[in-house]
C-alpha cells in the first residue's frame, strides 16, 4: 500500500486538531491511536494533549501502553503485539496512527505487516 506522509515540525504542531481533519476520524470503522516513543507512556505530554484536543471535537483517541511487559523488559515483538491486541479488542477497525519517535516506527511497521488495516500515518 502507499502512504502519504506528513512531516511535523515542532511538537506543538502535533496537538492541532486540523492536522487530522482530513482523516475523518469519526467515520464508522475508523479509529485513531497515538503511539508513544521510547520511555513514553499513555500519559505522555504529546499524547494527552492530542487526546484533549480531539476530545473537544468528540473524537476518541486510543493510547496503548507499548511498554510491554514493562519498561525494563520492553521488546519490539511485545509492542507490536499490544497494537495487534488493541486492534482485535476494538473490533478490527481501520486505523489512523499518530506515531512519536519509536511509536512512529511501530506505526509504520504495523502498517507494513498488516496491509489494509492502516488508513493513514502521521509520523
Protein backbone atom coordinates (compact mmCIF):
# COMPACT_ATOMS: atom_id res chain seq x y z
CA UNK A 1 0.00 0.00 0.00
CA UNK A 2 1.05 3.56 -0.50
CA UNK A 3 1.05 6.10 2.31
CA UNK A 4 1.19 9.86 2.20
CA UNK A 5 3.47 11.06 4.98
CA UNK A 6 3.04 14.44 6.64
CA UNK A 7 6.11 15.65 8.47
CA UNK A 8 5.54 17.77 11.54
CA UNK A 9 7.87 20.47 12.76
CA UNK A 10 7.64 21.34 16.43
CA UNK A 11 5.83 19.04 18.84
CA UNK A 12 3.25 21.81 19.31
CA UNK A 13 2.16 21.15 15.71
CA UNK A 14 1.00 17.74 16.82
CA UNK A 15 -1.76 19.00 19.07
CA UNK A 16 -3.58 20.98 16.38
CA UNK A 17 -6.75 19.03 15.54
CA UNK A 18 -6.63 20.39 11.99
CA UNK A 19 -3.65 18.09 11.36
CA UNK A 20 -6.08 15.17 11.42
CA UNK A 21 -9.09 16.85 9.83
CA UNK A 22 -8.62 15.02 6.54
CA UNK A 23 -8.62 11.67 8.32
CA UNK A 24 -12.35 11.82 9.11
CA UNK A 25 -11.71 10.08 12.44
CA UNK A 26 -15.36 9.87 13.41
CA UNK A 27 -16.32 7.81 10.36
CA UNK A 28 -17.65 4.39 11.35
CA UNK A 29 -14.99 1.70 11.36
CA UNK A 30 -12.01 4.07 11.65
CA UNK A 31 -10.12 4.55 14.89
CA UNK A 32 -7.23 6.85 15.83
CA UNK A 33 -4.32 5.87 18.06
CA UNK A 34 -1.31 7.76 19.36
CA UNK A 35 1.75 5.51 19.65
CA UNK A 36 4.25 6.95 22.12
CA UNK A 37 8.00 6.85 21.79
CA UNK A 38 10.71 5.12 23.80
CA UNK A 39 10.33 5.75 27.55
CA UNK A 40 6.92 7.29 26.86
CA UNK A 41 3.58 6.16 28.19
CA UNK A 42 -0.17 6.67 27.69
CA UNK A 43 0.30 9.70 29.95
CA UNK A 44 2.94 11.37 27.75
CA UNK A 45 2.55 15.11 27.20
CA UNK A 46 2.05 14.84 23.42
CA UNK A 47 -0.44 12.00 23.65
CA UNK A 48 -2.51 13.61 26.39
CA UNK A 49 -2.50 16.98 24.58
CA UNK A 50 -3.69 15.36 21.35
CA UNK A 51 -6.29 13.34 23.25
CA UNK A 52 -7.63 16.52 24.92
CA UNK A 53 -7.75 18.40 21.61
CA UNK A 54 -9.63 15.59 19.88
CA UNK A 55 -11.96 15.09 22.84
CA UNK A 56 -13.14 18.69 22.34
CA UNK A 57 -14.27 17.55 18.88
CA UNK A 58 -15.94 14.42 20.32
CA UNK A 59 -13.27 12.17 18.81
CA UNK A 60 -11.83 9.30 20.83
CA UNK A 61 -8.05 8.79 20.75
CA UNK A 62 -6.62 5.45 21.85
CA UNK A 63 -3.20 5.49 23.53
CA UNK A 64 -1.92 1.97 24.16
CA UNK A 65 0.93 1.32 26.59
CA UNK A 66 3.73 0.00 24.39
CA UNK A 67 5.98 -0.70 27.41
CA UNK A 68 5.05 -4.34 27.41
CA UNK A 69 5.53 -6.35 29.53
CA UNK A 70 7.26 -3.49 31.40
CA UNK A 71 9.61 -0.62 30.56
CA UNK A 72 12.55 -2.62 31.87
CA UNK A 73 11.70 -5.57 29.61
CA UNK A 74 10.09 -3.91 26.58
CA UNK A 75 10.53 -5.75 23.28
CA UNK A 76 9.76 -4.92 19.67
CA UNK A 77 7.57 -8.03 19.38
CA UNK A 78 5.59 -7.24 22.53
CA UNK A 79 4.93 -3.65 21.42
CA UNK A 80 3.59 -4.85 18.06
CA UNK A 81 1.53 -7.49 19.87
CA UNK A 82 0.00 -4.71 22.01
CA UNK A 83 -1.05 -2.86 18.85
CA UNK A 84 -2.49 -6.07 17.38
CA UNK A 85 -4.38 -6.79 20.60
CA UNK A 86 -5.83 -3.25 20.62
CA UNK A 87 -6.94 -3.82 17.01
CA UNK A 88 -8.69 -7.06 17.97
CA UNK A 89 -10.21 -5.69 21.19
CA UNK A 90 -11.80 -2.77 19.32
CA UNK A 91 -13.43 -4.90 16.65
CA UNK A 92 -10.71 -4.72 13.98
CA UNK A 93 -11.23 -1.14 12.74
CA UNK A 94 -9.15 0.64 10.12
CA UNK A 95 -6.53 2.81 11.85
CA UNK A 96 -5.14 6.30 11.63
CA UNK A 97 -1.89 6.12 13.60
CA UNK A 98 -0.08 9.14 15.02
CA UNK A 99 3.40 7.98 15.97
CA UNK A 100 6.02 9.80 18.01
CA UNK A 101 9.63 8.71 17.64
CA UNK A 102 9.79 4.94 18.27
CA UNK A 103 5.98 4.95 18.16
CA UNK A 104 6.27 6.22 14.58
CA UNK A 105 8.42 3.24 13.74
CA UNK A 106 5.86 0.90 15.32
CA UNK A 107 3.07 2.63 13.37
CA UNK A 108 4.91 2.26 10.06
CA UNK A 109 5.95 -1.32 10.80
CA UNK A 110 2.41 -2.25 11.81
CA UNK A 111 1.14 -0.80 8.52
CA UNK A 112 3.69 -2.83 6.59
CA UNK A 113 2.83 -6.06 8.43
CA UNK A 114 -0.95 -5.56 8.13
CA UNK A 115 -1.78 -4.21 4.67
CA UNK A 116 -5.25 -2.71 4.51
CA UNK A 117 -5.53 -2.16 8.26
CA UNK A 118 -3.83 1.24 8.49
CA UNK A 119 -5.52 4.01 6.56
CA UNK A 120 -3.23 6.94 7.47
CA UNK A 121 0.04 7.57 9.26
CA UNK A 122 1.13 10.82 10.86
CA UNK A 123 4.78 10.48 11.79
